[in-house]
């Protein structure tokens, strides 16, 4: 019995490390896909104070919609924490889709606000769809740049307004 009790925390730690490694793989694959679509994004990510990649945001709705995913915050190319995205929306929308979302932080203030949890997108924030060459015209708004790349599905509605985030450092 004592062995089982002592083994529990070790198994939980192994499971947590396994989940982190799996998420890191998904984030790295999503990053490679973004760069393959537009090589200029590599420079944007390198120059950013930090960036978040959500590798597979699942979004769906019919009148009322929701989106969710778990991603990682990267600074200087290294994953420094896990972040969760949640979105609820009401309005004209129908369908479902999956996409990669990249959020870049231009300065330390915007990055710190994200880490402190003082960060959510208002209804006015829109994302730029990633296509070849989009990085040439992509711009920061209030220290933040949002880019998305559709992976699959079809949905009538395209916004990131109302997204909320939770961040937990590794």
N, C-alpha and C. Protein backbone atom coordinates (compact mmCIF):
# COMPACT_ATOMS: atom_id res chain seq x y z
N UNK A 1 0.81 -1.19 0.00
CA UNK A 1 0.00 0.00 0.00
C UNK A 1 0.86 1.26 0.00
N UNK A 2 1.92 1.27 0.77
CA UNK A 2 2.78 2.43 0.86
C UNK A 2 3.42 2.73 -0.50
N UNK A 3 3.79 1.70 -1.23
CA UNK A 3 4.40 1.88 -2.55
C UNK A 3 3.41 2.56 -3.50
N UNK A 4 2.16 2.16 -3.46
CA UNK A 4 1.14 2.76 -4.32
C UNK A 4 0.96 4.23 -3.98
N UNK A 5 0.92 4.54 -2.70
CA UNK A 5 0.73 5.92 -2.26
C UNK A 5 1.90 6.80 -2.71
N UNK A 6 3.12 6.29 -2.65
CA UNK A 6 4.28 7.05 -3.07
C UNK A 6 4.39 7.12 -4.59
N UNK A 7 3.87 6.12 -5.28
CA UNK A 7 3.95 6.08 -6.73
C UNK A 7 2.99 7.02 -7.41
N UNK A 8 1.91 7.40 -6.74
CA UNK A 8 0.90 8.28 -7.31
C UNK A 8 1.45 9.60 -7.81
N UNK A 9 2.18 10.35 -6.98
CA UNK A 9 2.73 11.63 -7.45
C UNK A 9 3.70 11.47 -8.62
N UNK A 10 4.48 10.42 -8.61
CA UNK A 10 5.43 10.19 -9.70
C UNK A 10 4.69 9.91 -11.00
N UNK A 11 3.61 9.13 -10.94
CA UNK A 11 2.82 8.86 -12.13
C UNK A 11 2.15 10.12 -12.65
N UNK A 12 1.67 10.95 -11.75
CA UNK A 12 1.05 12.21 -12.14
C UNK A 12 2.07 13.13 -12.81
N UNK A 13 3.29 13.17 -12.29
CA UNK A 13 4.35 13.99 -12.88
C UNK A 13 4.71 13.50 -14.26
N UNK A 14 4.78 12.16 -14.42
CA UNK A 14 5.07 11.58 -15.74
C UNK A 14 3.98 11.94 -16.74
N UNK A 15 2.74 11.86 -16.32
CA UNK A 15 1.60 12.17 -17.19
C UNK A 15 1.64 13.64 -17.60
N UNK A 16 1.97 14.53 -16.65
CA UNK A 16 2.06 15.96 -16.92
C UNK A 16 3.19 16.25 -17.92
N UNK A 17 4.33 15.62 -17.73
CA UNK A 17 5.47 15.79 -18.64
C UNK A 17 5.13 15.27 -20.03
N UNK A 18 4.40 14.16 -20.08
CA UNK A 18 3.98 13.58 -21.36
C UNK A 18 3.03 14.53 -22.10
N UNK A 19 2.09 15.14 -21.37
CA UNK A 19 1.14 16.09 -21.98
C UNK A 19 1.88 17.32 -22.50
N UNK A 20 2.86 17.82 -21.73
CA UNK A 20 3.64 18.98 -22.15
C UNK A 20 4.43 18.66 -23.42
N UNK A 21 5.05 17.49 -23.46
CA UNK A 21 5.82 17.09 -24.64
C UNK A 21 4.93 16.96 -25.87
N UNK A 22 3.74 16.41 -25.69
CA UNK A 22 2.80 16.26 -26.79
C UNK A 22 2.35 17.64 -27.30
N UNK A 23 2.05 18.56 -26.38
CA UNK A 23 1.65 19.91 -26.76
C UNK A 23 2.79 20.62 -27.48
N UNK A 24 4.01 20.47 -26.99
CA UNK A 24 5.18 21.09 -27.62
C UNK A 24 5.33 20.60 -29.06
N UNK A 25 5.14 19.31 -29.28
CA UNK A 25 5.20 18.74 -30.63
C UNK A 25 4.14 19.37 -31.53
N UNK A 26 2.91 19.47 -31.03
CA UNK A 26 1.81 20.07 -31.80
C UNK A 26 2.10 21.53 -32.13
N UNK A 27 2.62 22.28 -31.16
CA UNK A 27 2.94 23.69 -31.37
C UNK A 27 4.06 23.83 -32.40
N UNK A 28 5.09 23.00 -32.31
CA UNK A 28 6.19 23.05 -33.27
C UNK A 28 5.73 22.71 -34.68
N UNK A 29 4.82 21.74 -34.80
CA UNK A 29 4.26 21.39 -36.11
C UNK A 29 3.43 22.55 -36.67
N UNK A 30 2.64 23.20 -35.81
CA UNK A 30 1.83 24.34 -36.25
C UNK A 30 2.73 25.50 -36.68
N UNK A 31 3.80 25.74 -35.93
CA UNK A 31 4.76 26.79 -36.28
C UNK A 31 5.38 26.51 -37.65
N UNK A 32 5.77 25.27 -37.88
CA UNK A 32 6.35 24.90 -39.17
C UNK A 32 5.34 25.09 -40.31
N UNK A 33 4.08 24.78 -40.05
CA UNK A 33 3.03 24.96 -41.06
C UNK A 33 2.85 26.44 -41.38
N UNK A 34 2.84 27.28 -40.35
CA UNK A 34 2.71 28.73 -40.56
C UNK A 34 3.87 29.25 -41.41
N UNK A 35 5.08 28.86 -41.07
CA UNK A 35 6.27 29.32 -41.80
C UNK A 35 6.28 28.78 -43.22
N UNK A 36 5.83 27.54 -43.41
CA UNK A 36 5.76 26.97 -44.75
C UNK A 36 4.76 27.75 -45.62
N UNK A 37 3.67 28.22 -45.01
CA UNK A 37 2.66 28.99 -45.73
C UNK A 37 3.17 30.37 -46.08
N UNK A 38 3.92 31.01 -45.16
CA UNK A 38 4.49 32.33 -45.40
C UNK A 38 5.82 32.43 -44.64
N UNK A 39 6.93 32.33 -45.36
CA UNK A 39 8.26 32.33 -44.73
C UNK A 39 8.54 33.61 -43.95
N UNK A 40 7.87 34.71 -44.28
CA UNK A 40 8.06 35.97 -43.58
C UNK A 40 7.61 35.92 -42.13
N UNK A 41 6.77 34.95 -41.79
CA UNK A 41 6.31 34.83 -40.40
C UNK A 41 7.45 34.45 -39.46
N UNK A 42 8.46 33.77 -39.98
CA UNK A 42 9.61 33.39 -39.16
C UNK A 42 10.28 34.64 -38.59
N UNK A 43 10.47 35.65 -39.42
CA UNK A 43 11.08 36.91 -38.98
C UNK A 43 10.20 37.63 -37.96
N UNK A 44 8.88 37.62 -38.19
CA UNK A 44 7.95 38.26 -37.25
C UNK A 44 8.05 37.59 -35.88
N UNK A 45 8.07 36.25 -35.86
CA UNK A 45 8.17 35.53 -34.58
C UNK A 45 9.50 35.79 -33.90
N UNK A 46 10.58 35.85 -34.68
CA UNK A 46 11.91 36.10 -34.09
C UNK A 46 12.01 37.49 -33.48
N UNK A 47 11.36 38.48 -34.09
CA UNK A 47 11.44 39.86 -33.61
C UNK A 47 10.46 40.14 -32.46
N UNK A 48 9.41 39.34 -32.34
CA UNK A 48 8.41 39.55 -31.29
C UNK A 48 9.03 39.31 -29.91
N UNK A 49 8.51 40.02 -28.89
CA UNK A 49 8.96 39.78 -27.51
C UNK A 49 8.57 38.37 -27.07
N UNK A 50 7.48 37.88 -27.63
CA UNK A 50 6.98 36.54 -27.36
C UNK A 50 5.80 36.29 -28.25
N UNK A 51 5.41 35.04 -28.36
CA UNK A 51 4.23 34.72 -29.15
C UNK A 51 3.58 33.44 -28.63
N UNK A 52 2.29 33.35 -28.90
CA UNK A 52 1.51 32.18 -28.51
C UNK A 52 1.08 31.47 -29.78
N UNK A 53 1.17 30.16 -29.76
CA UNK A 53 0.61 29.37 -30.85
C UNK A 53 -0.41 28.41 -30.26
N UNK A 54 -1.63 28.50 -30.81
CA UNK A 54 -2.67 27.52 -30.53
C UNK A 54 -2.71 26.62 -31.76
N UNK A 55 -2.31 25.36 -31.63
CA UNK A 55 -2.14 24.51 -32.81
C UNK A 55 -3.42 24.03 -33.48
N UNK A 56 -4.53 24.01 -32.76
CA UNK A 56 -5.74 23.45 -33.36
C UNK A 56 -6.99 23.97 -32.65
N UNK A 57 -7.30 25.26 -32.87
CA UNK A 57 -8.49 25.83 -32.27
C UNK A 57 -9.71 25.19 -32.93
N UNK A 58 -10.59 24.65 -32.12
CA UNK A 58 -11.84 24.06 -32.63
C UNK A 58 -12.95 25.06 -32.36
N UNK A 59 -13.67 25.42 -33.43
CA UNK A 59 -14.71 26.43 -33.32
C UNK A 59 -15.96 25.93 -34.01
N UNK A 60 -17.09 26.11 -33.37
CA UNK A 60 -18.34 25.70 -33.98
C UNK A 60 -19.50 26.49 -33.42
N UNK A 61 -20.57 26.52 -34.19
CA UNK A 61 -21.72 27.22 -33.69
C UNK A 61 -22.89 27.23 -34.65
N UNK A 62 -24.03 27.50 -34.09
CA UNK A 62 -25.27 27.72 -34.84
C UNK A 62 -26.05 28.73 -34.00
N UNK A 63 -25.87 30.01 -34.30
CA UNK A 63 -26.46 31.06 -33.47
C UNK A 63 -25.59 31.38 -32.28
N UNK A 64 -25.32 30.37 -31.47
CA UNK A 64 -24.38 30.49 -30.34
C UNK A 64 -23.17 29.64 -30.70
N UNK A 65 -21.98 30.20 -30.53
CA UNK A 65 -20.77 29.48 -30.90
C UNK A 65 -19.78 29.42 -29.77
N UNK A 66 -18.81 28.54 -29.93
CA UNK A 66 -17.75 28.41 -28.94
C UNK A 66 -16.47 27.98 -29.64
N UNK A 67 -15.35 28.32 -29.05
CA UNK A 67 -14.05 27.90 -29.54
C UNK A 67 -13.15 27.63 -28.34
N UNK A 68 -12.22 26.71 -28.52
CA UNK A 68 -11.31 26.37 -27.42
C UNK A 68 -10.05 25.71 -27.96
N UNK A 69 -8.96 25.87 -27.24
CA UNK A 69 -7.71 25.16 -27.53
C UNK A 69 -6.72 25.43 -26.40
N UNK A 70 -5.68 24.63 -26.36
CA UNK A 70 -4.57 24.83 -25.45
C UNK A 70 -3.32 25.02 -26.31
N UNK A 71 -2.52 26.03 -25.96
CA UNK A 71 -1.31 26.32 -26.71
C UNK A 71 -0.16 26.64 -25.78
N UNK A 72 0.89 27.19 -26.35
CA UNK A 72 2.07 27.54 -25.56
C UNK A 72 2.54 28.95 -25.88
N UNK A 73 3.06 29.60 -24.85
CA UNK A 73 3.72 30.89 -25.00
C UNK A 73 5.20 30.61 -25.20
N UNK A 74 5.77 31.21 -26.24
CA UNK A 74 7.19 31.05 -26.52
C UNK A 74 7.91 32.39 -26.42
N UNK A 75 9.06 32.37 -25.80
CA UNK A 75 9.93 33.53 -25.72
C UNK A 75 11.32 33.08 -26.15
N UNK A 76 11.91 33.81 -27.08
CA UNK A 76 13.23 33.47 -27.62
C UNK A 76 13.26 32.03 -28.11
N UNK A 77 12.16 31.59 -28.70
CA UNK A 77 12.08 30.26 -29.29
C UNK A 77 11.83 29.13 -28.32
N UNK A 78 11.67 29.44 -27.03
CA UNK A 78 11.49 28.40 -26.02
C UNK A 78 10.11 28.50 -25.37
N UNK A 79 9.45 27.36 -25.21
CA UNK A 79 8.14 27.32 -24.54
C UNK A 79 8.34 27.65 -23.07
N UNK A 80 7.64 28.69 -22.60
CA UNK A 80 7.78 29.12 -21.20
C UNK A 80 6.50 28.91 -20.39
N UNK A 81 5.41 28.55 -21.07
CA UNK A 81 4.17 28.32 -20.34
C UNK A 81 3.06 27.82 -21.24
N UNK A 82 2.01 27.36 -20.57
CA UNK A 82 0.83 26.84 -21.27
C UNK A 82 -0.28 27.86 -21.17
N UNK A 83 -1.05 27.98 -22.23
CA UNK A 83 -2.17 28.92 -22.22
C UNK A 83 -3.41 28.29 -22.82
N UNK A 84 -4.54 28.67 -22.28
CA UNK A 84 -5.83 28.14 -22.75
C UNK A 84 -6.64 29.27 -23.36
N UNK A 85 -7.27 28.97 -24.47
CA UNK A 85 -8.13 29.91 -25.18
C UNK A 85 -9.56 29.43 -25.04
N UNK A 86 -10.46 30.37 -24.72
CA UNK A 86 -11.90 30.08 -24.65
C UNK A 86 -12.63 31.23 -25.31
N UNK A 87 -13.64 30.92 -26.08
CA UNK A 87 -14.44 31.95 -26.74
C UNK A 87 -15.88 31.50 -26.81
N UNK A 88 -16.78 32.41 -26.50
CA UNK A 88 -18.21 32.19 -26.67
C UNK A 88 -18.71 33.36 -27.50
N UNK A 89 -19.53 33.08 -28.48
CA UNK A 89 -20.07 34.14 -29.32
C UNK A 89 -21.54 33.90 -29.61
N UNK A 90 -22.24 34.98 -29.82
CA UNK A 90 -23.66 34.93 -30.14
C UNK A 90 -23.87 35.79 -31.38
N UNK A 91 -24.64 35.32 -32.33
CA UNK A 91 -24.90 36.11 -33.53
C UNK A 91 -25.03 35.23 -34.75
N UNK A 92 -24.90 35.85 -35.90
CA UNK A 92 -25.05 35.15 -37.17
C UNK A 92 -23.82 34.28 -37.42
N UNK A 93 -23.96 33.00 -37.22
CA UNK A 93 -22.86 32.06 -37.43
C UNK A 93 -23.42 30.66 -37.59
N UNK A 94 -22.76 29.88 -38.40
CA UNK A 94 -23.17 28.50 -38.60
C UNK A 94 -22.00 27.69 -39.12
N UNK A 95 -21.80 26.50 -38.58
CA UNK A 95 -20.76 25.62 -39.07
C UNK A 95 -19.73 25.28 -38.02
N UNK A 96 -18.60 24.79 -38.50
CA UNK A 96 -17.51 24.43 -37.61
C UNK A 96 -16.20 24.50 -38.38
N UNK A 97 -15.13 24.77 -37.67
CA UNK A 97 -13.83 24.84 -38.31
C UNK A 97 -12.73 24.59 -37.30
N UNK A 98 -11.57 24.34 -37.84
CA UNK A 98 -10.37 24.17 -37.04
C UNK A 98 -9.30 25.07 -37.66
N UNK A 99 -8.53 25.75 -36.80
CA UNK A 99 -7.50 26.63 -37.33
C UNK A 99 -6.35 26.78 -36.34
N UNK A 100 -5.21 27.21 -36.87
CA UNK A 100 -4.05 27.56 -36.06
C UNK A 100 -4.16 29.05 -35.76
N UNK A 101 -3.90 29.44 -34.52
CA UNK A 101 -3.90 30.86 -34.18
C UNK A 101 -2.54 31.23 -33.62
N UNK A 102 -1.99 32.32 -34.15
CA UNK A 102 -0.70 32.87 -33.72
C UNK A 102 -0.95 34.27 -33.19
N UNK A 103 -0.52 34.52 -31.96
CA UNK A 103 -0.63 35.84 -31.36
C UNK A 103 0.78 36.30 -31.03
N UNK A 104 1.22 37.40 -31.66
CA UNK A 104 2.55 37.94 -31.41
C UNK A 104 2.46 39.19 -30.55
N UNK A 105 3.42 39.34 -29.65
CA UNK A 105 3.48 40.49 -28.76
C UNK A 105 4.67 41.35 -29.15
N UNK A 106 4.39 42.61 -29.50
CA UNK A 106 5.41 43.52 -30.01
C UNK A 106 6.35 44.02 -28.93
N UNK A 107 5.83 44.21 -27.72
CA UNK A 107 6.63 44.82 -26.65
C UNK A 107 6.42 44.07 -25.33
N UNK A 108 7.27 44.42 -24.37
CA UNK A 108 7.23 43.75 -23.07
C UNK A 108 5.92 44.01 -22.33
N UNK A 109 5.35 45.20 -22.49
CA UNK A 109 4.10 45.54 -21.81
C UNK A 109 2.96 44.62 -22.26
N UNK A 110 2.80 44.44 -23.56
CA UNK A 110 1.72 43.58 -24.05
C UNK A 110 1.95 42.13 -23.63
N UNK A 111 3.21 41.70 -23.64
CA UNK A 111 3.53 40.34 -23.21
C UNK A 111 3.25 40.16 -21.72
N UNK A 112 3.65 41.14 -20.91
CA UNK A 112 3.40 41.07 -19.46
C UNK A 112 1.90 41.06 -19.15
N UNK A 113 1.13 41.87 -19.88
CA UNK A 113 -0.32 41.89 -19.68
C UNK A 113 -0.93 40.53 -19.96
N UNK A 114 -0.43 39.86 -20.98
CA UNK A 114 -0.92 38.52 -21.30
C UNK A 114 -0.60 37.56 -20.16
N UNK A 115 0.63 37.61 -19.68
CA UNK A 115 1.05 36.70 -18.61
C UNK A 115 0.28 36.93 -17.31
N UNK A 116 -0.08 38.19 -17.05
CA UNK A 116 -0.81 38.52 -15.82
C UNK A 116 -2.29 38.19 -15.91
N UNK A 117 -2.74 37.82 -17.09
CA UNK A 117 -4.15 37.52 -17.26
C UNK A 117 -4.99 38.74 -17.57
N UNK A 118 -4.35 39.88 -17.85
CA UNK A 118 -5.06 41.11 -18.19
C UNK A 118 -5.24 41.19 -19.70
N UNK A 119 -5.72 40.14 -20.29
CA UNK A 119 -5.72 40.09 -21.75
C UNK A 119 -6.94 39.34 -22.25
N UNK A 120 -7.70 40.01 -23.08
CA UNK A 120 -8.77 39.36 -23.81
C UNK A 120 -9.05 40.21 -25.03
N UNK A 121 -9.59 39.57 -26.07
CA UNK A 121 -9.90 40.31 -27.28
C UNK A 121 -11.29 40.86 -27.22
N UNK A 122 -11.43 42.11 -27.56
CA UNK A 122 -12.75 42.73 -27.65
C UNK A 122 -13.36 42.38 -29.00
N UNK A 123 -14.59 42.77 -29.19
CA UNK A 123 -15.30 42.47 -30.44
C UNK A 123 -14.65 43.16 -31.64
N UNK A 124 -13.86 44.21 -31.40
CA UNK A 124 -13.27 44.94 -32.50
C UNK A 124 -12.00 44.28 -33.06
N UNK A 125 -11.43 43.34 -32.36
CA UNK A 125 -10.19 42.71 -32.81
C UNK A 125 -10.49 41.71 -33.90
N UNK A 126 -9.72 41.78 -34.96
CA UNK A 126 -9.89 40.80 -36.02
C UNK A 126 -8.55 40.16 -36.32
N UNK A 127 -8.62 38.97 -36.82
CA UNK A 127 -7.41 38.24 -37.16
C UNK A 127 -7.16 38.35 -38.65
N UNK A 128 -5.90 38.26 -39.04
CA UNK A 128 -5.52 38.25 -40.44
C UNK A 128 -5.31 36.79 -40.84
N UNK A 129 -5.93 36.40 -41.95
CA UNK A 129 -5.78 35.03 -42.44
C UNK A 129 -4.40 34.86 -43.05
N UNK A 130 -3.70 33.81 -42.68
CA UNK A 130 -2.36 33.56 -43.19
C UNK A 130 -2.44 32.98 -44.60
N UNK A 131 -1.79 33.69 -45.51
CA UNK A 131 -1.60 33.24 -46.89
C UNK A 131 -0.18 33.60 -47.27
N UNK A 132 0.30 33.09 -48.36
CA UNK A 132 1.66 33.42 -48.80
C UNK A 132 1.78 34.92 -48.95
N UNK A 133 2.80 35.52 -48.32
CA UNK A 133 3.08 36.94 -48.43
C UNK A 133 2.34 37.83 -47.46
N UNK A 134 1.45 37.28 -46.64
CA UNK A 134 0.68 38.12 -45.71
C UNK A 134 1.57 38.86 -44.72
N UNK A 135 2.71 38.30 -44.38
CA UNK A 135 3.59 38.91 -43.38
C UNK A 135 4.11 40.28 -43.82
N UNK A 136 4.15 40.54 -45.11
CA UNK A 136 4.65 41.83 -45.60
C UNK A 136 3.76 42.99 -45.17
N UNK A 137 2.47 42.73 -44.99
CA UNK A 137 1.53 43.79 -44.63
C UNK A 137 0.95 43.64 -43.23
N UNK A 138 1.33 42.60 -42.52
CA UNK A 138 0.79 42.37 -41.17
C UNK A 138 1.31 43.45 -40.23
N UNK A 139 0.41 43.97 -39.39
CA UNK A 139 0.77 45.05 -38.48
C UNK A 139 0.26 44.76 -37.06
N UNK A 140 0.99 45.31 -36.10
CA UNK A 140 0.57 45.22 -34.71
C UNK A 140 -0.51 46.25 -34.44
N UNK A 141 -1.47 45.89 -33.61
CA UNK A 141 -2.47 46.82 -33.11
C UNK A 141 -2.38 46.79 -31.59
N UNK A 142 -2.03 47.94 -31.01
CA UNK A 142 -1.87 48.05 -29.55
C UNK A 142 -0.93 46.97 -29.01
N UNK A 143 0.17 46.72 -29.74
CA UNK A 143 1.19 45.79 -29.29
C UNK A 143 0.92 44.32 -29.56
N UNK A 144 -0.18 44.03 -30.29
CA UNK A 144 -0.57 42.64 -30.53
C UNK A 144 -0.88 42.42 -32.01
N UNK A 145 -0.46 41.28 -32.53
CA UNK A 145 -0.79 40.88 -33.89
C UNK A 145 -1.40 39.49 -33.84
N UNK A 146 -2.54 39.30 -34.51
CA UNK A 146 -3.23 38.01 -34.50
C UNK A 146 -3.32 37.50 -35.93
N UNK A 147 -2.86 36.27 -36.13
CA UNK A 147 -2.92 35.63 -37.44
C UNK A 147 -3.53 34.25 -37.29
N UNK A 148 -4.34 33.86 -38.25
CA UNK A 148 -4.93 32.52 -38.21
C UNK A 148 -4.73 31.81 -39.55
N UNK A 149 -4.65 30.50 -39.49
CA UNK A 149 -4.53 29.67 -40.68
C UNK A 149 -5.55 28.55 -40.58
N UNK A 150 -6.52 28.55 -41.49
CA UNK A 150 -7.56 27.52 -41.48
C UNK A 150 -6.95 26.14 -41.75
N UNK A 151 -7.41 25.17 -40.98
CA UNK A 151 -6.98 23.78 -41.16
C UNK A 151 -8.06 22.95 -41.83
N UNK A 152 -9.31 23.28 -41.54
CA UNK A 152 -10.40 22.52 -42.11
C UNK A 152 -11.74 23.00 -41.63
N UNK A 153 -12.79 22.58 -42.31
CA UNK A 153 -14.14 22.93 -41.93
C UNK A 153 -14.62 24.16 -42.67
N UNK A 154 -15.84 24.52 -42.42
CA UNK A 154 -16.44 25.69 -43.04
C UNK A 154 -17.36 26.35 -42.03
N UNK A 155 -17.13 27.65 -41.84
CA UNK A 155 -17.96 28.37 -40.89
C UNK A 155 -18.21 29.76 -41.41
N UNK A 156 -19.46 30.18 -41.34
CA UNK A 156 -19.82 31.54 -41.72
C UNK A 156 -19.67 32.41 -40.48
N UNK A 157 -18.55 33.07 -40.34
CA UNK A 157 -18.23 33.97 -39.24
C UNK A 157 -16.73 33.93 -39.10
N UNK A 158 -16.11 35.08 -39.00
CA UNK A 158 -14.66 35.11 -38.89
C UNK A 158 -14.23 36.24 -37.96
N UNK A 159 -14.12 35.94 -36.69
CA UNK A 159 -13.63 36.94 -35.74
C UNK A 159 -12.98 36.23 -34.58
N UNK A 160 -12.18 36.97 -33.85
CA UNK A 160 -11.59 36.43 -32.63
C UNK A 160 -12.07 37.23 -31.42
N UNK A 161 -13.04 38.10 -31.65
CA UNK A 161 -13.60 38.91 -30.57
C UNK A 161 -14.15 38.02 -29.47
N UNK A 162 -13.97 38.45 -28.25
CA UNK A 162 -14.50 37.70 -27.12
C UNK A 162 -13.61 36.57 -26.63
N UNK A 163 -12.43 36.42 -27.22
CA UNK A 163 -11.55 35.36 -26.74
C UNK A 163 -10.96 35.76 -25.39
N UNK A 164 -10.89 34.78 -24.50
CA UNK A 164 -10.28 34.97 -23.19
C UNK A 164 -9.17 33.93 -23.04
N UNK A 165 -8.17 34.27 -22.25
CA UNK A 165 -6.99 33.42 -22.12
C UNK A 165 -6.62 33.21 -20.67
N UNK A 166 -6.09 32.05 -20.38
CA UNK A 166 -5.51 31.76 -19.07
C UNK A 166 -4.09 31.28 -19.33
N UNK A 167 -3.15 31.81 -18.56
CA UNK A 167 -1.74 31.47 -18.74
C UNK A 167 -1.18 30.87 -17.46
N UNK A 168 -0.37 29.83 -17.63
CA UNK A 168 0.32 29.21 -16.50
C UNK A 168 1.76 28.94 -16.91
N UNK A 169 2.70 29.55 -16.22
CA UNK A 169 4.13 29.37 -16.52
C UNK A 169 4.56 27.95 -16.21
N UNK A 170 5.52 27.44 -16.98
CA UNK A 170 6.09 26.11 -16.71
C UNK A 170 7.03 26.19 -15.53
